[in-house]
């Protein structure tokens, strides 16, 4: 029996993966986390609320307020603020950024965490395929709109939550919005590859440009396979998630790498990297393709009607 228990607990430890050991405080620092009303986003917000000011940027205000008041009560930090942000609507993204810039003089960490997964075919308010629109284009625009404030506040960090699923993705420029063919599993993979490529190109553009103002970094990560409601659009996946929950990370365990990328002192000048379990991880060859990264950048700017040089 002891052997079985031991095997179980070591298996659990393996599943749990890396932990962020940094105790870095962030007094006077401001963090934005998208989609922080549930799952790993909420756990990331809970951890960072013990260190500094956290802005929870979410579409569902009621859910976000419930999460925020729970976090405020637990951490004693009243600086946990909810702001409306719908990443499936560029108008909402622009309104969020405008309000934020009017109210906050600084921004030190932007965690692009929100995401959709396995959605039936649908489009955003601007006509983008939902996965690509929310997971990539929405965060691309948000980052663009907040970049100056991040620059002024340097040292600053941008953290993009991607996934191991990026290995299965490809950027289908001929059919970016899945109008010719659509598979919801692959659509998710494509959007997560876009996160990795965006991070890579962003880091390349930031490097050298702003180093004089202190470090300004951008990194991506895989949180692990987490037991969360991200799979809610798929009955089969929801069912499998329940059966295999023992082999999945809890949201707290899944948040560890996000927190690590946001606060770990040893990452002060590390940029353009991809992490999993609080350590550098392997990126697929497609995720290292600089030509695709550059092309995705210019296509994204075109779709969003922005100039970002």
Foldseek 3Di string as FASTA:
>chain_A
DVVVVVVLVVLLVVLLFAFQPDPAADAPAEEEQEPCLWFLSLLLQLVNLLHYAYEYEYQDQVSNVVSQVVSCVVNVRPRYHYDYADLLDVVRLVVRLVVCVVPDQAHAEYEHDDAAALADFDHGPLRATRRQRRLPLSVLSNCVSCVVRNLQHPVHEYEREAAPLLLLEACDVVCRRQPVHDDRRRNNNNSSLLSLLLQQVVQVVPPPVRVVSFAYAYEYEHLWAELTCSVVNDPVVPVVCVVVVSSHHYSNSSNRLVNLRGDPPVCRHPHSFYYYSSHGDDDHPNSVDNVVSVVSVVVSCVSVVHDDD
